[in-house]
């Protein structure tokens, strides 16, 4: 599992859609919304980049709800050479102003239905958008900023977390079984959607999950907000086998009348600790094992339970599994001294 790099430069993730810009296969299926083909997504991406103008190395904020528009906006920033900075559309105005100040953006993309001020306004309607044939995804140095994610952590003070372009692509590498060449994404598949995306798409877990889904060329279903009964219906309707549910969603599912999540075979969870009792209750009720993961906005995925362990019933209570290959762990004592493996 390696990343193809030439001369210390790597192609922008905008190529995830630009390399498939002539295809009419579905890529984003919005529940109660439009279905976006690769061509439509590329049209919208090109439109956003054109409205932004050249933004080489500049930070551009993106504030939008779940849907194809937020994906087009992020890809459009990358296509313009900029660095997307995602902001939750649910932030109160006062908190939003603090985040904007912390980001230091040169342009702000906002979704029209949110009632926010921005330099570029987007919606779900890109019917008149066209691709600029002269555009090509830029090549960026590995250590240059790739994306900015915002978090308040435990302090309550907004912080901007900058992931390098290497880190952005490494998230794809970490879950890919093959070599990742940004210049040559795999051919998209006409298979049914392989994912129902219901968690906020401005969150790091969703951002990188969507990137990997785009890399694979597999369509995904997007919900504006999570609702247990409708979620279960979409899973059944599209034959989705792997689910992604944060602990709060798992609790909502348990408190709902849903009695089946077939044909799902495994559930991945993260963003917060999952109580052991909830896990046991969920697995007993739905007959589907839960795979736990652990990550941070600052570092991305840090640890996960191998799928073979989860399916095989191998559990390590109190842990989030194994450290991913791209992460180095240094355990220190109260005096800051590194501790050898196996220390308590």
Protein backbone atom coordinates (compact mmCIF):
# COMPACT_ATOMS: atom_id res chain seq x y z
CA UNK A 1 0.00 0.00 0.00
CA UNK A 2 1.93 3.00 -1.31
CA UNK A 3 1.26 6.44 -2.77
CA UNK A 4 2.60 7.27 -6.23
CA UNK A 5 4.56 10.54 -6.15
CA UNK A 6 6.65 12.21 -8.83
CA UNK A 7 9.29 14.80 -8.03
CA UNK A 8 7.87 15.38 -4.56
CA UNK A 9 4.55 16.47 -6.06
CA UNK A 10 1.17 14.76 -5.95
CA UNK A 11 -1.96 15.43 -7.97
CA UNK A 12 -4.75 17.28 -6.17
CA UNK A 13 -7.69 15.18 -4.92
CA UNK A 14 -9.79 17.15 -7.43
CA UNK A 15 -8.72 14.41 -9.83
CA UNK A 16 -11.02 12.00 -8.00
CA UNK A 17 -13.85 13.51 -10.05
CA UNK A 18 -11.93 15.15 -12.90
CA UNK A 19 -10.54 11.82 -14.11
CA UNK A 20 -14.14 10.53 -14.43
CA UNK A 21 -15.69 13.79 -15.72
CA UNK A 22 -17.21 12.25 -18.85
CA UNK A 23 -19.10 9.44 -17.11
CA UNK A 24 -22.84 9.41 -16.58
CA UNK A 25 -22.83 6.78 -13.83
CA UNK A 26 -24.36 7.87 -10.49
CA UNK A 27 -21.89 8.86 -7.77
CA UNK A 28 -24.02 10.66 -5.14
CA UNK A 29 -27.64 9.70 -4.56
CA UNK A 30 -29.29 12.21 -2.24
CA UNK A 31 -32.22 10.92 -0.24
CA UNK A 32 -35.12 13.24 -1.14
CA UNK A 33 -32.75 15.13 -3.44
CA UNK A 34 -30.94 14.98 -6.79
CA UNK A 35 -28.81 12.12 -8.06
CA UNK A 36 -25.39 13.33 -9.13
CA UNK A 37 -23.50 11.59 -11.92
CA UNK A 38 -19.73 11.89 -12.28
CA UNK A 39 -20.29 14.31 -15.17
CA UNK A 40 -22.65 16.47 -13.09
CA UNK A 41 -20.27 16.49 -10.14
CA UNK A 42 -17.38 17.48 -12.43
CA UNK A 43 -19.53 20.25 -13.96
CA UNK A 44 -20.29 21.62 -10.49
CA UNK A 45 -16.67 21.27 -9.40
CA UNK A 46 -15.51 23.24 -12.45
CA UNK A 47 -18.18 25.89 -11.84
CA UNK A 48 -17.06 26.38 -8.22
CA UNK A 49 -13.40 26.61 -9.28
CA UNK A 50 -14.29 29.16 -11.96
CA UNK A 51 -16.25 31.33 -9.55
CA UNK A 52 -13.40 31.24 -7.05
CA UNK A 53 -10.67 32.07 -9.55
CA UNK A 54 -7.04 31.05 -8.89
CA UNK A 55 -6.52 30.30 -5.18
CA UNK A 56 -3.11 28.66 -5.08
CA UNK A 57 -2.34 27.78 -1.47
CA UNK A 58 -5.17 29.98 -0.13
CA UNK A 59 -7.68 28.81 2.47
CA UNK A 60 -11.31 28.78 1.38
CA UNK A 61 -14.06 27.91 3.85
CA UNK A 62 -16.94 25.63 2.90
CA UNK A 63 -20.19 25.64 4.87
CA UNK A 64 -22.93 23.38 3.55
CA UNK A 65 -25.21 20.56 4.66
CA UNK A 66 -24.81 16.94 3.59
CA UNK A 67 -25.23 16.43 -0.14
CA UNK A 68 -23.54 16.67 -3.49
CA UNK A 69 -23.07 20.42 -3.20
CA UNK A 70 -20.58 20.20 -0.34
CA UNK A 71 -18.57 17.58 -2.24
CA UNK A 72 -18.53 19.79 -5.35
CA UNK A 73 -17.43 22.76 -3.24
CA UNK A 74 -14.51 20.94 -1.64
CA UNK A 75 -13.38 19.47 -4.96
CA UNK A 76 -13.83 22.89 -6.57
CA UNK A 77 -11.50 24.50 -4.03
CA UNK A 78 -8.90 21.84 -4.76
CA UNK A 79 -9.37 22.32 -8.52
CA UNK A 80 -8.73 26.06 -8.06
CA UNK A 81 -5.51 25.26 -6.21
CA UNK A 82 -6.90 26.25 -2.81
CA UNK A 83 -7.11 24.56 0.56
CA UNK A 84 -10.68 23.74 1.66
CA UNK A 85 -11.57 24.50 5.27
CA UNK A 86 -14.80 22.83 6.36
CA UNK A 87 -17.12 24.53 8.84
CA UNK A 88 -20.18 22.88 10.37
CA UNK A 89 -23.42 24.48 9.13
CA UNK A 90 -24.85 23.97 12.63
CA UNK A 91 -22.45 26.37 14.34
CA UNK A 92 -24.10 29.34 16.09
CA UNK A 93 -23.27 32.68 14.46
CA UNK A 94 -20.99 33.76 17.31
CA UNK A 95 -18.99 30.53 17.15
CA UNK A 96 -18.87 30.70 13.37
CA UNK A 97 -17.27 34.15 13.48
CA UNK A 98 -14.56 32.79 15.77
CA UNK A 99 -13.88 29.89 13.42
CA UNK A 100 -13.71 32.19 10.39
CA UNK A 101 -11.17 34.36 12.20
CA UNK A 102 -9.11 31.30 13.10
CA UNK A 103 -9.13 29.96 9.53
CA UNK A 104 -8.07 33.22 7.86
CA UNK A 105 -9.75 32.40 4.55
CA UNK A 106 -9.62 34.51 1.39
CA UNK A 107 -13.03 33.30 0.21
CA UNK A 108 -16.07 31.73 1.86
CA UNK A 109 -18.40 29.27 0.12
CA UNK A 110 -21.84 28.99 1.73
CA UNK A 111 -24.98 27.02 0.93
CA UNK A 112 -27.88 29.24 -0.10
CA UNK A 113 -30.39 27.76 2.32
CA UNK A 114 -28.39 28.56 5.44
CA UNK A 115 -28.88 32.34 5.43
CA UNK A 116 -25.14 32.99 5.78
CA UNK A 117 -22.96 35.60 4.11
CA UNK A 118 -20.25 34.35 1.78
CA UNK A 119 -18.29 35.36 -1.29
CA UNK A 120 -19.57 32.32 -3.24
CA UNK A 121 -23.09 30.92 -2.79
CA UNK A 122 -23.95 27.40 -3.91
CA UNK A 123 -27.10 25.25 -3.97
CA UNK A 124 -28.14 21.86 -5.30
CA UNK A 125 -28.87 23.41 -8.69
CA UNK A 126 -25.87 23.20 -11.01
CA UNK A 127 -27.97 22.52 -14.11
CA UNK A 128 -26.23 25.28 -16.08
CA UNK A 129 -22.73 24.38 -14.90
CA UNK A 130 -20.23 23.36 -17.56
CA UNK A 131 -16.74 21.95 -17.45
CA UNK A 132 -13.83 24.17 -18.40
CA UNK A 133 -11.79 21.91 -20.73
CA UNK A 134 -8.67 23.99 -20.08
CA UNK A 135 -8.66 23.04 -16.40
CA UNK A 136 -6.42 20.35 -14.96
CA UNK A 137 -6.06 19.39 -11.29
CA UNK A 138 -2.93 21.08 -9.92
CA UNK A 139 0.06 19.20 -8.59
CA UNK A 140 0.99 20.03 -5.02
CA UNK A 141 4.03 19.43 -2.84
CA UNK A 142 3.41 16.65 -0.33
CA UNK A 143 4.08 18.87 2.67
CA UNK A 144 1.86 21.73 1.49
CA UNK A 145 -1.53 22.12 3.21
CA UNK A 146 -4.21 19.82 1.81
CA UNK A 147 -7.27 20.47 3.96
CA UNK A 148 -8.20 22.42 7.09
CA UNK A 149 -10.58 20.96 9.67
CA UNK A 150 -11.87 22.84 12.66
CA UNK A 151 -12.25 21.61 16.21
CA UNK A 152 -12.68 23.10 19.66
CA UNK A 153 -11.15 20.04 21.30
CA UNK A 154 -11.41 20.17 25.07
CA UNK A 155 -10.64 23.88 25.41
CA UNK A 156 -13.74 25.32 23.76
CA UNK A 157 -11.50 27.64 21.73
CA UNK A 158 -11.75 27.12 17.95
CA UNK A 159 -8.62 25.59 16.47
CA UNK A 160 -7.69 24.93 12.87
CA UNK A 161 -6.09 21.58 12.12
CA UNK A 162 -4.10 21.57 8.89
CA UNK A 163 -3.55 18.24 7.17
CA UNK A 164 -0.81 18.14 4.56
CA UNK A 165 -1.52 16.86 1.07
CA UNK A 166 0.46 13.75 1.99
CA UNK A 167 -1.82 13.19 4.98
CA UNK A 168 -4.93 13.64 2.85
CA UNK A 169 -3.86 10.98 0.36
CA UNK A 170 -2.49 8.73 3.12
CA UNK A 171 -6.04 8.40 4.46
CA UNK A 172 -6.92 6.73 1.16
CA UNK A 173 -3.76 4.64 1.28
CA UNK A 174 -4.53 3.45 4.81
CA UNK A 175 -7.72 1.71 3.73
CA UNK A 176 -6.70 0.69 0.21
CA UNK A 177 -5.36 -2.75 -0.62
CA UNK A 178 -3.59 -1.56 -3.75
CA UNK A 179 -1.15 1.13 -4.82
CA UNK A 180 -2.77 4.56 -4.85
CA UNK A 181 -1.87 6.59 -7.94
CA UNK A 182 -3.72 9.96 -7.79
CA UNK A 183 -3.22 10.36 -11.54
CA UNK A 184 -5.05 7.12 -12.29
CA UNK A 185 -8.06 6.43 -10.05
CA UNK A 186 -9.74 3.06 -10.68
CA UNK A 187 -12.58 2.84 -13.18
CA UNK A 188 -15.92 3.59 -11.45
CA UNK A 189 -18.32 0.71 -11.02
CA UNK A 190 -22.01 0.65 -11.98
CA UNK A 191 -22.69 -1.39 -8.83
CA UNK A 192 -25.36 -0.13 -6.39
CA UNK A 193 -24.29 2.36 -3.71
CA UNK A 194 -21.94 0.86 -1.17
CA UNK A 195 -22.48 3.43 1.57
CA UNK A 196 -25.21 5.42 3.29
CA UNK A 197 -23.64 8.67 4.52
CA UNK A 198 -25.68 10.12 7.37
CA UNK A 199 -23.05 11.64 9.68
CA UNK A 200 -22.12 15.34 9.16
CA UNK A 201 -19.93 15.65 6.08
CA UNK A 202 -17.89 18.49 7.59
CA UNK A 203 -16.44 16.03 10.13
CA UNK A 204 -13.03 14.43 9.52
CA UNK A 205 -14.38 10.87 9.61
CA UNK A 206 -16.93 11.64 6.88
CA UNK A 207 -14.45 13.66 4.78
CA UNK A 208 -11.94 10.85 4.51
CA UNK A 209 -14.60 8.13 4.19
CA UNK A 210 -16.08 10.02 1.24
CA UNK A 211 -12.63 10.43 -0.30
CA UNK A 212 -12.07 6.69 -0.17
CA UNK A 213 -15.51 6.07 -1.62
CA UNK A 214 -14.74 8.44 -4.48
CA UNK A 215 -11.38 6.74 -4.98
CA UNK A 216 -13.07 3.36 -5.35
CA UNK A 217 -15.52 4.87 -7.82
CA UNK A 218 -18.53 3.55 -5.92
CA UNK A 219 -21.78 5.48 -5.60
CA UNK A 220 -23.05 6.49 -2.16
CA UNK A 221 -26.38 7.50 -0.68
CA UNK A 222 -26.42 10.73 1.33
CA UNK A 223 -28.92 11.69 4.01
CA UNK A 224 -29.29 15.31 5.06
CA UNK A 225 -29.80 14.08 8.63
CA UNK A 226 -29.91 10.72 10.35
CA UNK A 227 -33.28 9.13 11.01
CA UNK A 228 -33.23 5.43 12.05
CA UNK A 229 -36.26 4.11 10.17
CA UNK A 230 -35.36 5.82 6.89
CA UNK A 231 -31.73 4.77 7.29
CA UNK A 232 -32.75 1.13 7.60
CA UNK A 233 -34.97 1.49 4.52
CA UNK A 234 -32.07 2.87 2.47
CA UNK A 235 -29.75 0.09 3.61
CA UNK A 236 -32.30 -2.49 2.48
CA UNK A 237 -33.21 -0.66 -0.75
CA UNK A 238 -29.60 -0.34 -1.93
CA UNK A 239 -28.26 -3.60 -0.48
CA UNK A 240 -25.58 -1.88 1.62
CA UNK A 241 -23.30 -4.30 3.47
CA UNK A 242 -21.07 -1.99 5.53
CA UNK A 243 -22.58 0.66 7.79
CA UNK A 244 -21.02 3.66 9.53
CA UNK A 245 -22.79 4.73 12.71
CA UNK A 246 -21.41 6.93 15.48
CA UNK A 247 -22.38 5.92 19.06
CA UNK A 248 -25.26 8.41 19.25
CA UNK A 249 -26.73 6.91 16.06
CA UNK A 250 -26.37 3.42 17.49
CA UNK A 251 -28.33 4.53 20.56
CA UNK A 252 -31.00 6.13 18.36
CA UNK A 253 -31.24 2.92 16.36
CA UNK A 254 -31.69 0.91 19.56
CA UNK A 255 -34.42 3.29 20.74
CA UNK A 256 -36.25 3.05 17.40
CA UNK A 257 -38.77 0.45 16.16
CA UNK A 258 -36.27 -0.83 13.57
CA UNK A 259 -35.83 -4.60 13.94
CA UNK A 260 -33.57 -5.36 10.96
CA UNK A 261 -30.62 -3.82 9.19
CA UNK A 262 -30.33 -6.53 6.57
CA UNK A 263 -28.38 -7.03 4.39
CA UNK A 264 -25.67 -5.23 6.43
CA UNK A 265 -22.82 -7.45 7.62
CA UNK A 266 -20.75 -5.11 9.77
CA UNK A 267 -21.02 -1.69 11.42
CA UNK A 268 -18.05 0.65 11.85
CA UNK A 269 -18.17 3.19 14.66
CA UNK A 270 -15.95 5.99 15.95
CA UNK A 271 -15.81 9.69 16.98
CA UNK A 272 -16.59 8.75 20.61
CA UNK A 273 -16.32 5.78 22.95
CA UNK A 274 -19.05 3.21 22.46
CA UNK A 275 -20.40 1.85 25.78
CA UNK A 276 -19.88 -1.91 25.97
CA UNK A 277 -23.54 -2.38 26.93
CA UNK A 278 -24.73 -0.59 23.77
CA UNK A 279 -22.46 -2.74 21.64
CA UNK A 280 -23.74 -5.94 23.21
CA UNK A 281 -27.36 -4.80 22.89
CA UNK A 282 -26.93 -3.82 19.24
CA UNK A 283 -25.18 -7.04 18.23
CA UNK A 284 -27.77 -9.17 20.02
CA UNK A 285 -30.69 -7.32 18.44
CA UNK A 286 -29.48 -6.99 14.87
CA UNK A 287 -26.99 -9.85 14.63
CA UNK A 288 -24.35 -7.55 13.14
CA UNK A 289 -20.87 -7.13 14.68
CA UNK A 290 -19.57 -3.62 15.44
CA UNK A 291 -16.04 -2.61 14.47
CA UNK A 292 -14.63 0.19 16.61
CA UNK A 293 -12.18 2.80 15.38
CA UNK A 294 -10.35 5.66 17.04
CA UNK A 295 -9.19 8.88 15.46
CA UNK A 296 -8.63 12.57 16.01
CA UNK A 297 -9.18 15.65 13.90
CA UNK A 298 -5.47 16.31 14.41
CA UNK A 299 -4.29 12.93 13.11
CA UNK A 300 -7.08 11.13 11.27
CA UNK A 301 -7.50 7.41 11.92
CA UNK A 302 -5.21 6.18 14.68
CA UNK A 303 -6.47 2.72 15.57
CA UNK A 304 -9.07 0.23 14.43
CA UNK A 305 -10.27 -3.29 15.09
CA UNK A 306 -9.23 -5.52 12.18
CA UNK A 307 -12.29 -6.80 10.36
CA UNK A 308 -11.04 -10.38 10.73
CA UNK A 309 -11.07 -9.94 14.51
CA UNK A 310 -14.54 -8.42 14.50
CA UNK A 311 -16.06 -11.12 12.31
CA UNK A 312 -14.20 -13.79 14.29
CA UNK A 313 -15.48 -12.51 17.62
CA UNK A 314 -12.03 -11.51 18.89
CA UNK A 315 -12.50 -8.65 21.34
CA UNK A 316 -10.03 -6.62 23.38
CA UNK A 317 -12.16 -4.77 25.95
CA UNK A 318 -11.03 -1.23 26.67
CA UNK A 319 -9.13 -0.80 23.40
CA UNK A 320 -9.91 0.55 19.93
CA UNK A 321 -7.89 -2.16 18.20
CA UNK A 322 -4.55 -1.90 16.41
CA UNK A 323 -2.54 1.16 15.41
CA UNK A 324 -2.73 1.90 11.66
CA UNK A 325 0.59 1.59 9.78
CA UNK A 326 0.80 5.35 9.05
CA UNK A 327 0.79 6.27 12.76
CA UNK A 328 3.65 6.19 15.26
CA UNK A 329 2.74 5.99 18.94
CA UNK A 330 4.93 7.29 21.76
CA UNK A 331 3.63 6.55 25.25
CA UNK A 332 5.10 8.78 27.96
CA UNK A 333 4.94 8.93 31.72
CA UNK A 334 3.98 11.95 33.84
CA UNK A 335 7.50 13.34 33.43
CA UNK A 336 7.34 13.09 29.64
CA UNK A 337 9.70 10.11 29.36
CA UNK A 338 9.02 7.62 26.57
CA UNK A 339 7.96 4.20 27.82
CA UNK A 340 8.87 0.87 26.22
CA UNK A 341 6.18 -1.38 24.80
CA UNK A 342 4.30 -3.40 27.38
CA UNK A 343 4.72 -0.74 30.10
CA UNK A 344 1.90 -0.07 32.50
